[in-house]
Every structure is written in C-alpha cells, then in structure tokens.
Amino acid sequence: MTSFAGRTVAILTVALTLLTVGAVFGLREPADPMSESTPVRIDRLAQTINLAQQRLRALPGDHRTWAELGLAYVERARVTADPALYPRAEAALRRSLKVRDNSDALTGLGALANARHDFAGARNFAQRALRTNPYDANAYGVLADAETQLGHGTAATTAIQHMLDLRPGLAAYARGSYDLEQRGRLPEAEYLMRRALDAAVDPADIAFCRGQLGDLAWFRGDLGTAAAEYDAGLVADPSFAPLLRGRARVAASTGRTAQAVADTATVAARTPTPETLMAYAEMLHLADRPADAARQLTLADAAHRIFVANGGRDDLTTAQLALARGDVTTAVTAAQAEWRRRPFAEVADVLAQSLHAAGRDDESRTYAQTAVTLNPGNAAFAFHLAQAQLSLGDHAAARTSLTRVRALNPYFSPVAGPVAARVLSDLEAQS
C-alpha cells in the first residue's frame, strides 16, 4: 500500500489539475478573462486589426493605434491558440512606445509577457505603466496576473483591490474570485463570480462566468451544480470551448467516458494548445486508447515548441509532458527550473509529482505540503501529498490527507479518486 499511484493515475491527475487550477484565466495564459475563443470575437479582432492597419498607413505616428494593434494581436493569439502572432504584437507595441511613452503600450507589453509566461517581465511592464498612469485599471489587471503566477499572493490581492476600486466590473470581479479560490475560500470566490455574472452582458462573458461557477462547484465536489452551470453557459454561447472542458470533467467523473472524449476532442480541435491536447490525451487513456493518446502528446509537444519558438517560456509544460511519457528525470529538472522562476501552487504540485515518480518522496512531501498550504481547497494537491506520505510509511498523515480529499472533492479524478477512496477505507479499517 505504500505505492498506489501507477503511471495512468499520475498522468491523469496532471491533466485534471490543468483543467482546474488557475481556471479563471487559464493556468498557461493569465490575461483578460473575457478573451476566450468564439467565431464572433475572432471576426471582431480581424476587423480591429484591419482598421488599425489602415489608419497607421495614413498616420504612422499614431501611438494609440499602434498600441491598439498590438493588443489586438495579443488577443487574437489567445483566441486562435497561435503564438506566431506574438512577434507581431511586440513589434506594434514597441513601435507605439517609440513614438511616445504611454501606459497602453506598456500594459500591452505586460499582457504579452504574461502570455509568454514571462511573469517577472509582465510585472515590470505593469509597474512602468502605472508610473505613467496610476489610474490604469488594465495595468493593475496585468500586474495581478503576474504577481499571482510569481507566488506573490499579497501583492496580487492588492493589485486586484486597486482594480476593483478603479473599475468594478467583470474583469476585476473575476480576478478577485480567482484570488479567493487560490486561497481555498470557495464561498467568497463564488460570491464574486456571481457579481461578475451580474455585470456580464455579452454572451461570451456570460458563458465565461457560468464556466467559472461550474468550476467552483466542481472544486467542492458538487457535480450536479457544476453540470447545470456548464449547460447554462452553453445555452448562452454554444461555441465557448471551456464549458465543454468542464462538462468533460464531470462526464469522466461519472463514468461517461465517451462524452468526455468527445468534448475534449472538440476543445483540442478549436484551441490546440499543449494543455488542451494533453487533456484530450488523458481522456483517450481513460478510454483505453493509448496509441491515440500518444499521438495527442506528440501534437502537444509540437504546440509547446511553437510557443517557445515565439518567445514563450514554460518549463511546467515540459515537466507535465515528461511525466505523461514517463521521463522522470526530465520532469524533475523542468519542474525544479519552473519552481525557481515562479513559486506558484501548481508548480509545487507538479514538482511534488515528479519527485514522487522519481522515488524521492521525502522531497516530494515537502513540495506537496507547500502546494496544499498555498491552495488548501484543491483535492488533487491533497492526494499528491498522501502519495508521498504513504510511500514514506506515514499512514496516519496519509489518512488525514485522504480524509481531506474526500471532504474537498472525492471526484477530483476518475482514476485517482476511486483509488484514494479505496486506500482511505483500508487505512480506516486498520486504525
């Protein structure tokens, strides 16, 4: 009983963590929460880009339009999952700054840095923007996203409060909700997300809020409410892919594997990022289709290389891909590098999993405990702590951790959830 996490369990819980941790802004791209992919939004972005280009041909010294163009490229890169647009965004934003120092361009460069996972750089740009314009709510949003990923919880909360003071609305409420979620304060997080829903008008924004409310319900193990929120979001905007991601999670947890595979396939096709492709691979593993899953991991690796080639930095994804393939040495090295760069809860958790897979459970326990301390409401984190504790023979501590898993969300993984319940039952019978 000292080792109950086989390769499939470890891989699947990595993917499910990707679907839940950092749900508000997407763990890989923390920017404007209203910028998820829909055909209408893409069309509007194309129109914005075309109009900006036309204006700049006539007025090449218009710094505001250069900034607008750069921000539109950042947004389009998000909604199309195309990091090849990052260099264009950077060129436009730097052109704006060359014409005139301005907070819009600095904020845009901060958003771009966040998208590339250069969170320290994003923080610097946001701080420069705020020195130029202390009343720039968007700059505070970029700053909050960067501080969150850098593990600076107090600084992130302060930035969000400034944003709420300056512009109380969906973007600020959503960030506030995510900040509370990361601290395990789920009822308060739900309250702020409902405030965000009240402020939402556009169908995509309503769908976004419903998706976050569904995720919060899922975090506390309320599958019925989660499913209802996802369905309500799909009524508002059937093209909003993250709702299918949430619906797939509920389907997998209730034994409807075919539905989970279909939904994650749709999400991966619409936005082929490393995260969506890995999530699809995990559902294919669950459906006992290992060859198909391996192909999706190959595509995820290719998407990751494109991201890096366009200025991105993401050792966390490198570690997750390595774990999925059983390359423990690479997983540990990459996760350690990411932790040095940004001591965030998810990074601590992936490092703990990597060290556990390498048989270094004393170290794994330390990082797993860190993840649980940083985000006490995450059942997957508590499960990974129990893995290390069991491997070290500390059954009493493991029983405590697994009891916490059961209280938080016994459905956190369709593979690991039942394993956690079975092992807890065995431990309780022995006591």
Protein backbone atom coordinates (compact mmCIF):
# COMPACT_ATOMS: atom_id res chain seq x y z
CA MET A 1 0.00 0.00 0.00
CA THR A 2 2.99 2.32 0.11
CA SER A 3 2.73 2.94 -3.63
CA PHE A 4 -0.74 3.28 -5.15
CA ALA A 5 -0.07 5.71 -7.98
CA GLY A 6 0.62 3.98 -11.25
CA ARG A 7 1.58 5.78 -14.42
CA THR A 8 -2.01 6.31 -15.58
CA VAL A 9 -3.06 7.79 -12.24
CA ALA A 10 -0.16 10.22 -12.21
CA ILE A 11 -0.73 11.31 -15.80
CA LEU A 12 -4.47 11.73 -15.40
CA THR A 13 -4.25 13.83 -12.28
CA VAL A 14 -1.75 16.10 -14.03
CA ALA A 15 -4.27 16.68 -16.81
CA LEU A 16 -7.14 17.27 -14.42
CA THR A 17 -5.05 19.75 -12.49
CA LEU A 18 -4.57 21.60 -15.76
CA LEU A 19 -8.34 21.81 -16.11
CA THR A 20 -8.92 23.21 -12.64
CA VAL A 21 -6.03 25.15 -11.21
CA GLY A 22 -6.00 28.69 -12.45
CA ALA A 23 -9.34 28.22 -14.03
CA VAL A 24 -10.26 31.85 -14.26
CA PHE A 25 -7.54 32.98 -16.60
CA GLY A 26 -6.24 29.70 -17.93
CA LEU A 27 -3.05 28.32 -15.90
CA ARG A 28 -0.94 28.84 -19.05
CA GLU A 29 -2.19 32.38 -20.22
CA PRO A 30 -3.28 34.65 -17.38
CA ALA A 31 -4.68 37.71 -19.10
CA ASP A 32 -8.08 39.26 -19.75
CA PRO A 33 -10.68 36.72 -18.59
CA MET A 34 -13.12 37.85 -21.27
CA SER A 35 -10.94 36.81 -24.16
CA GLU A 36 -11.84 33.17 -24.76
CA SER A 37 -12.37 31.93 -28.31
CA THR A 38 -15.59 32.43 -30.25
CA PRO A 39 -16.07 32.95 -34.00
CA VAL A 40 -17.70 36.35 -33.41
CA ARG A 41 -14.80 37.52 -31.26
CA ILE A 42 -12.29 36.41 -33.89
CA ASP A 43 -14.20 38.35 -36.55
CA ARG A 44 -14.21 41.46 -34.37
CA LEU A 45 -10.48 41.12 -33.80
CA ALA A 46 -9.87 40.77 -37.53
CA GLN A 47 -11.87 43.96 -38.10
CA THR A 48 -9.96 45.79 -35.36
CA ILE A 49 -6.63 44.72 -36.86
CA ASN A 50 -7.65 45.73 -40.38
CA LEU A 51 -8.92 49.14 -39.31
CA ALA A 52 -5.79 49.80 -37.24
CA GLN A 53 -3.54 48.85 -40.14
CA GLN A 54 -5.46 51.18 -42.47
CA ARG A 55 -5.19 54.07 -40.03
CA LEU A 56 -1.48 53.52 -39.48
CA ARG A 57 -0.78 53.61 -43.21
CA ALA A 58 -2.21 57.13 -43.15
CA LEU A 59 -0.93 58.13 -39.69
CA PRO A 60 2.22 56.11 -38.88
CA GLY A 61 2.90 58.31 -35.85
CA ASP A 62 -0.36 57.44 -34.06
CA HIS A 63 0.92 55.77 -30.89
CA ARG A 64 -2.56 54.90 -29.63
CA THR A 65 -3.42 52.94 -32.76
CA TRP A 66 -0.07 51.10 -32.63
CA ALA A 67 -0.93 50.08 -29.07
CA GLU A 68 -4.43 49.05 -30.11
CA LEU A 69 -2.99 46.94 -32.93
CA GLY A 70 -0.53 45.26 -30.60
CA LEU A 71 -3.20 44.44 -28.05
CA ALA A 72 -5.43 43.03 -30.79
CA TYR A 73 -2.61 40.71 -31.88
CA VAL A 74 -2.14 39.53 -28.29
CA GLU A 75 -5.85 38.83 -28.06
CA ARG A 76 -6.00 37.06 -31.40
CA ALA A 77 -3.08 34.87 -30.40
CA ARG A 78 -5.12 33.80 -27.37
CA VAL A 79 -8.37 33.03 -29.11
CA THR A 80 -6.74 31.22 -32.03
CA ALA A 81 -4.04 29.48 -29.95
CA ASP A 82 -1.45 30.88 -32.36
CA PRO A 83 1.70 32.14 -30.62
CA ALA A 84 3.16 33.02 -34.01
CA LEU A 85 1.28 36.32 -33.57
CA TYR A 86 3.38 37.27 -30.54
CA PRO A 87 6.24 38.83 -32.54
CA ARG A 88 3.76 41.00 -34.46
CA ALA A 89 2.19 42.11 -31.20
CA GLU A 90 5.56 43.00 -29.73
CA ALA A 91 6.60 44.94 -32.83
CA ALA A 92 3.41 47.04 -32.78
CA LEU A 93 3.58 47.73 -29.05
CA ARG A 94 7.24 48.73 -29.18
CA ARG A 95 6.51 50.98 -32.15
CA SER A 96 3.87 52.70 -30.02
CA LEU A 97 6.42 53.25 -27.26
CA LYS A 98 8.96 54.55 -29.73
CA VAL A 99 6.50 57.23 -30.80
CA ARG A 100 5.54 58.13 -27.24
CA ASP A 101 5.88 56.63 -23.79
CA ASN A 102 2.34 55.55 -22.88
CA SER A 103 0.60 53.24 -20.44
CA ASP A 104 -1.47 51.45 -23.11
CA ALA A 105 1.62 50.10 -24.86
CA LEU A 106 3.31 49.21 -21.57
CA THR A 107 0.19 47.40 -20.40
CA GLY A 108 0.05 45.59 -23.73
CA LEU A 109 3.66 44.50 -23.39
CA GLY A 110 2.80 43.27 -19.90
CA ALA A 111 -0.12 41.25 -21.23
CA LEU A 112 2.15 39.83 -23.93
CA ALA A 113 4.78 38.92 -21.34
CA ASN A 114 2.12 37.14 -19.28
CA ALA A 115 1.01 35.24 -22.37
CA ARG A 116 4.61 34.18 -22.95
CA HIS A 117 4.89 33.23 -19.25
CA ASP A 118 7.50 35.90 -18.59
CA PHE A 119 5.75 36.86 -15.40
CA ALA A 120 8.61 38.89 -13.95
CA GLY A 121 8.75 40.88 -17.17
CA ALA A 122 4.99 41.36 -17.10
CA ARG A 123 5.19 42.74 -13.58
CA ASN A 124 7.87 45.21 -14.64
CA PHE A 125 5.83 46.45 -17.61
CA ALA A 126 2.71 46.81 -15.48
CA GLN A 127 4.61 48.77 -12.85
CA ARG A 128 6.03 51.06 -15.56
CA ALA A 129 2.52 51.56 -16.95
CA LEU A 130 1.24 52.52 -13.51
CA ARG A 131 4.05 55.03 -13.05
CA THR A 132 2.89 56.60 -16.31
CA ASN A 133 -0.81 56.37 -15.41
CA PRO A 134 -1.64 55.41 -11.80
CA TYR A 135 -5.32 55.09 -12.72
CA ASP A 136 -4.92 52.41 -15.39
CA ALA A 137 -7.19 49.55 -14.24
CA ASN A 138 -5.97 47.31 -17.07
CA ALA A 139 -2.40 47.68 -15.86
CA TYR A 140 -3.48 46.57 -12.40
CA GLY A 141 -5.08 43.51 -14.00
CA VAL A 142 -1.84 42.60 -15.76
CA LEU A 143 0.05 43.19 -12.52
CA ALA A 144 -2.35 40.98 -10.56
CA ASP A 145 -1.98 38.14 -13.06
CA ALA A 146 1.81 38.35 -12.94
CA GLU A 147 2.02 38.55 -9.14
CA THR A 148 -0.32 35.57 -8.84
CA GLN A 149 1.86 33.37 -11.02
CA LEU A 150 5.01 34.57 -9.26
CA GLY A 151 3.57 33.35 -5.97
CA HIS A 152 3.16 36.86 -4.54
CA GLY A 153 -0.35 36.42 -3.17
CA THR A 154 -0.49 39.60 -1.08
CA ALA A 155 0.76 41.75 -3.96
CA ALA A 156 -1.78 40.15 -6.30
CA THR A 157 -4.62 40.84 -3.86
CA THR A 158 -3.51 44.47 -3.52
CA ALA A 159 -3.46 44.92 -7.30
CA ILE A 160 -6.92 43.38 -7.62
CA GLN A 161 -8.26 45.72 -4.93
CA HIS A 162 -6.92 48.71 -6.88
CA MET A 163 -8.62 47.34 -9.99
CA LEU A 164 -11.90 46.92 -8.12
CA ASP A 165 -11.63 50.47 -6.79
CA LEU A 166 -10.95 51.92 -10.24
CA ARG A 167 -13.25 49.81 -12.39
CA PRO A 168 -15.56 47.37 -10.58
CA GLY A 169 -16.74 45.04 -13.30
CA LEU A 170 -16.43 41.57 -14.74
CA ALA A 171 -12.65 41.56 -15.20
CA ALA A 172 -11.97 42.76 -11.66
CA TYR A 173 -14.59 40.52 -10.03
CA ALA A 174 -13.25 37.50 -11.93
CA ARG A 175 -9.70 38.15 -10.78
CA GLY A 176 -10.91 38.66 -7.23
CA SER A 177 -12.79 35.36 -7.41
CA TYR A 178 -9.70 33.53 -8.64
CA ASP A 179 -7.58 35.07 -5.91
CA LEU A 180 -10.01 33.78 -3.28
CA GLU A 181 -10.21 30.37 -4.96
CA GLN A 182 -6.43 30.04 -4.76
CA ARG A 183 -6.70 30.60 -1.00
CA GLY A 184 -9.34 27.90 -0.61
CA ARG A 185 -12.10 30.44 0.12
CA LEU A 186 -14.61 28.98 -2.30
CA PRO A 187 -17.88 30.51 -0.97
CA GLU A 188 -16.40 34.01 -1.23
CA ALA A 189 -14.98 33.17 -4.65
CA GLU A 190 -18.45 32.10 -5.79
CA TYR A 191 -19.96 35.33 -4.45
CA LEU A 192 -17.57 37.48 -6.51
CA MET A 193 -18.08 35.33 -9.59
CA ARG A 194 -21.83 35.86 -9.30
CA ARG A 195 -21.11 39.58 -9.14
CA ALA A 196 -19.17 39.11 -12.36
CA LEU A 197 -22.13 37.28 -13.90
CA ASP A 198 -24.43 40.13 -12.91
CA ALA A 199 -22.10 42.51 -14.77
CA ALA A 200 -21.88 40.33 -17.88
CA VAL A 201 -23.85 41.32 -20.99
CA ASP A 202 -22.09 39.72 -23.95
CA PRO A 203 -22.96 36.00 -24.43
CA ALA A 204 -19.28 35.04 -24.29
CA ASP A 205 -18.91 36.87 -20.98
CA ILE A 206 -21.99 35.14 -19.57
CA ALA A 207 -20.61 31.79 -20.72
CA PHE A 208 -17.27 32.60 -19.11
CA CYS A 209 -18.91 33.35 -15.74
CA ARG A 210 -21.08 30.25 -15.90
CA GLY A 211 -17.97 28.22 -16.61
CA GLN A 212 -16.17 29.60 -13.59
CA LEU A 213 -19.18 28.97 -11.38
CA GLY A 214 -19.24 25.41 -12.69
CA ASP A 215 -15.56 25.00 -11.87
CA LEU A 216 -16.09 26.30 -8.34
CA ALA A 217 -18.94 23.83 -7.85
CA TRP A 218 -16.75 21.02 -9.17
CA PHE A 219 -13.94 22.00 -6.80
CA ARG A 220 -16.25 21.33 -3.85
CA GLY A 221 -17.49 18.04 -5.34
CA ASP A 222 -20.96 19.30 -6.35
CA LEU A 223 -21.21 17.64 -9.75
CA GLY A 224 -24.90 18.43 -10.24
CA THR A 225 -24.43 22.17 -9.82
CA ALA A 226 -21.28 22.10 -11.93
CA ALA A 227 -23.10 20.37 -14.79
CA ALA A 228 -26.01 22.83 -14.54
CA GLU A 229 -23.68 25.83 -14.74
CA TYR A 230 -21.83 24.39 -17.75
CA ASP A 231 -25.13 23.69 -19.51
CA ALA A 232 -26.38 27.21 -18.77
CA GLY A 233 -23.18 28.61 -20.21
CA LEU A 234 -23.60 26.58 -23.38
CA VAL A 235 -27.10 27.99 -23.78
CA ALA A 236 -25.61 31.50 -23.65
CA ASP A 237 -22.77 30.68 -26.06
CA PRO A 238 -22.58 27.16 -27.57
CA SER A 239 -19.14 27.90 -29.04
CA PHE A 240 -17.46 28.63 -25.69
CA ALA A 241 -14.94 25.79 -25.53
CA PRO A 242 -14.01 25.92 -21.81
CA LEU A 243 -17.58 24.85 -20.97
CA LEU A 244 -17.01 21.63 -22.88
CA ARG A 245 -13.79 21.18 -20.92
CA GLY A 246 -15.76 21.41 -17.68
CA ARG A 247 -18.52 19.16 -18.96
CA ALA A 248 -15.91 16.57 -19.92
CA ARG A 249 -14.54 16.60 -16.39
CA VAL A 250 -17.99 15.88 -14.94
CA ALA A 251 -18.63 13.19 -17.56
CA ALA A 252 -15.34 11.44 -16.79
CA SER A 253 -16.07 11.54 -13.06
CA THR A 254 -19.47 9.91 -13.58
CA GLY A 255 -18.33 7.12 -15.91
CA ARG A 256 -19.44 8.72 -19.20
CA THR A 257 -16.08 8.31 -20.86
CA ALA A 258 -17.32 8.60 -24.45
CA GLN A 259 -18.80 12.03 -23.70
CA ALA A 260 -15.58 13.11 -22.00
CA VAL A 261 -13.53 12.03 -25.01
CA ALA A 262 -15.86 13.79 -27.45
CA ASP A 263 -15.84 17.07 -25.53
CA THR A 264 -12.08 17.19 -25.02
CA ALA A 265 -11.60 16.35 -28.70
CA THR A 266 -13.73 19.36 -29.64
CA VAL A 267 -11.79 21.67 -27.33
CA ALA A 268 -8.43 20.44 -28.65
CA ALA A 269 -9.58 20.95 -32.24
CA ARG A 270 -10.75 24.51 -31.57
CA THR A 271 -7.77 25.61 -29.49
CA PRO A 272 -4.85 23.20 -29.95
CA THR A 273 -2.67 24.27 -27.04
CA PRO A 274 -0.40 21.92 -25.08
CA GLU A 275 -2.95 21.93 -22.26
CA THR A 276 -6.00 21.03 -24.34
CA LEU A 277 -4.07 18.37 -26.27
CA MET A 278 -2.76 16.80 -23.04
CA ALA A 279 -6.26 16.83 -21.58
CA TYR A 280 -7.56 15.06 -24.68
CA ALA A 281 -4.73 12.53 -24.41
CA GLU A 282 -5.70 11.74 -20.83
CA MET A 283 -9.31 11.11 -21.75
CA LEU A 284 -8.10 8.81 -24.53
CA HIS A 285 -6.03 6.94 -21.94
CA LEU A 286 -9.16 6.65 -19.81
CA ALA A 287 -10.95 5.19 -22.83
CA ASP A 288 -8.13 2.63 -23.23
CA ARG A 289 -6.86 4.17 -26.47
CA PRO A 290 -3.12 4.51 -25.70
CA ALA A 291 -1.96 4.86 -29.31
CA ASP A 292 -4.38 7.73 -29.94
CA ALA A 293 -3.31 9.32 -26.66
CA ALA A 294 0.34 9.11 -27.66
CA ARG A 295 -0.42 10.95 -30.91
CA GLN A 296 -2.05 13.78 -28.97
CA LEU A 297 1.00 14.03 -26.71
CA THR A 298 3.16 14.36 -29.83
CA LEU A 299 0.93 17.19 -31.02
CA ALA A 300 1.12 18.79 -27.57
CA ASP A 301 4.89 18.68 -27.73
CA ALA A 302 4.81 20.33 -31.16
CA ALA A 303 2.48 23.07 -29.88
CA HIS A 304 4.82 23.63 -26.96
CA ARG A 305 7.82 24.01 -29.30
CA ILE A 306 5.91 26.61 -31.35
CA PHE A 307 5.14 28.51 -28.15
CA VAL A 308 8.81 28.53 -27.14
CA ALA A 309 9.94 29.48 -30.64
CA ASN A 310 7.80 32.61 -30.41
CA GLY A 311 9.30 33.87 -27.18
CA GLY A 312 7.45 31.70 -24.67
CA ARG A 313 8.93 30.09 -21.57
CA ASP A 314 7.16 27.18 -19.92
CA ASP A 315 9.15 24.55 -18.07
CA LEU A 316 5.95 23.48 -16.31
CA THR A 317 4.51 22.13 -19.54
CA THR A 318 7.85 20.46 -20.25
CA ALA A 319 7.58 18.71 -16.89
CA GLN A 320 3.97 17.68 -17.48
CA LEU A 321 4.73 16.26 -20.91
CA ALA A 322 7.70 14.39 -19.48
CA LEU A 323 5.54 12.94 -16.70
CA ALA A 324 2.96 11.84 -19.24
CA ARG A 325 5.68 9.96 -21.12
CA GLY A 326 7.35 8.53 -18.03
CA ASP A 327 10.52 10.59 -18.47
CA VAL A 328 11.02 11.21 -14.77
CA THR A 329 14.46 12.81 -14.98
CA THR A 330 13.31 15.48 -17.42
CA ALA A 331 10.16 16.07 -15.37
CA VAL A 332 12.12 16.73 -12.19
CA THR A 333 14.66 19.01 -13.88
CA ALA A 334 12.00 21.06 -15.67
CA ALA A 335 9.74 21.36 -12.63
CA GLN A 336 12.67 22.48 -10.47
CA ALA A 337 13.55 25.15 -13.04
CA GLU A 338 9.98 26.41 -13.12
CA TRP A 339 9.79 26.49 -9.32
CA ARG A 340 12.90 28.66 -9.16
CA ARG A 341 11.25 31.03 -11.61
CA ARG A 342 7.78 31.16 -10.05
CA PRO A 343 6.87 29.53 -6.72
CA PHE A 344 3.20 29.03 -7.56
CA ALA A 345 0.97 26.32 -6.08
CA GLU A 346 0.54 24.34 -9.31
CA VAL A 347 4.29 24.35 -9.88
CA ALA A 348 4.89 22.99 -6.38
CA ASP A 349 2.34 20.26 -7.07
CA VAL A 350 3.88 19.18 -10.38
CA LEU A 351 7.33 19.20 -8.79
CA ALA A 352 5.97 17.01 -5.98
CA GLN A 353 4.53 14.56 -8.52
CA SER A 354 7.80 14.48 -10.45
CA LEU A 355 9.83 13.80 -7.32
CA HIS A 356 7.37 11.10 -6.25
CA ALA A 357 7.71 9.42 -9.64
CA ALA A 358 11.49 9.55 -9.17
CA GLY A 359 11.23 7.86 -5.78
CA ARG A 360 12.35 10.98 -3.92
CA ASP A 361 9.38 11.07 -1.59
CA ASP A 362 10.93 12.99 1.26
CA GLU A 363 11.41 15.93 -1.13
CA SER A 364 8.06 15.23 -2.77
CA ARG A 365 6.29 15.52 0.56
CA THR A 366 7.83 18.95 1.17
CA TYR A 367 6.63 20.38 -2.14
CA ALA A 368 3.24 18.67 -1.91
CA GLN A 369 2.74 20.23 1.51
CA THR A 370 3.71 23.59 0.03
CA ALA A 371 1.08 23.20 -2.69
CA VAL A 372 -1.58 22.31 -0.10
CA THR A 373 -0.58 25.26 2.08
CA LEU A 374 -0.75 27.67 -0.86
CA ASN A 375 -4.08 26.31 -2.12
CA PRO A 376 -5.84 24.38 0.65
CA GLY A 377 -9.02 23.84 -1.35
CA ASN A 378 -7.52 21.62 -4.06
CA ALA A 379 -8.27 17.93 -3.61
CA ALA A 380 -5.66 16.84 -6.18
CA PHE A 381 -2.94 18.58 -4.20
CA ALA A 382 -4.02 16.79 -1.02
CA PHE A 383 -3.99 13.48 -2.90
CA HIS A 384 -0.44 14.01 -4.09
CA LEU A 385 0.62 14.78 -0.54
CA ALA A 386 -0.96 11.48 0.54
CA GLN A 387 1.03 9.67 -2.16
CA ALA A 388 4.31 10.86 -0.70
CA GLN A 389 3.20 10.21 2.88
CA LEU A 390 2.19 6.65 2.09
CA SER A 391 5.42 5.98 0.26
CA LEU A 392 7.29 7.17 3.35
CA GLY A 393 5.23 4.87 5.55
CA ASP A 394 3.43 7.67 7.40
CA HIS A 395 -0.02 6.11 7.33
CA ALA A 396 -1.51 8.41 9.95
CA ALA A 397 -0.63 11.52 7.96
CA ALA A 398 -1.81 9.88 4.74
CA ARG A 399 -5.15 9.06 6.35
CA THR A 400 -5.53 12.71 7.32
CA SER A 401 -4.71 13.85 3.77
CA LEU A 402 -7.06 11.34 2.16
CA THR A 403 -9.83 12.32 4.55
CA ARG A 404 -9.30 15.86 3.35
CA VAL A 405 -9.54 14.69 -0.27
CA ARG A 406 -12.89 13.06 0.49
CA ALA A 407 -14.16 16.23 2.17
CA LEU A 408 -12.99 18.55 -0.59
CA ASN A 409 -13.88 16.65 -3.76
CA PRO A 410 -13.92 12.84 -3.99
CA TYR A 411 -14.46 13.19 -7.76
CA PHE A 412 -11.25 15.12 -8.44
CA SER A 413 -10.05 12.39 -10.82
CA PRO A 414 -11.92 9.45 -12.44
CA VAL A 415 -8.85 7.25 -11.85
CA ALA A 416 -7.22 8.61 -8.70
CA GLY A 417 -10.50 9.46 -6.96
CA PRO A 418 -11.61 5.83 -6.56
CA VAL A 419 -8.06 4.83 -5.62
CA ALA A 420 -7.99 7.48 -2.91
CA ALA A 421 -11.34 6.28 -1.55
CA ARG A 422 -10.24 2.65 -1.50
CA VAL A 423 -6.93 3.34 0.22
CA LEU A 424 -8.63 5.57 2.79
CA SER A 425 -11.10 2.78 3.52
CA ASP A 426 -8.21 0.37 4.07
CA LEU A 427 -6.41 2.81 6.37
CA GLU A 428 -9.56 3.44 8.38
CA ALA A 429 -10.09 -0.31 8.77
CA GLN A 430 -6.58 -0.68 10.16
CA SER A 431 -6.94 2.07 12.75
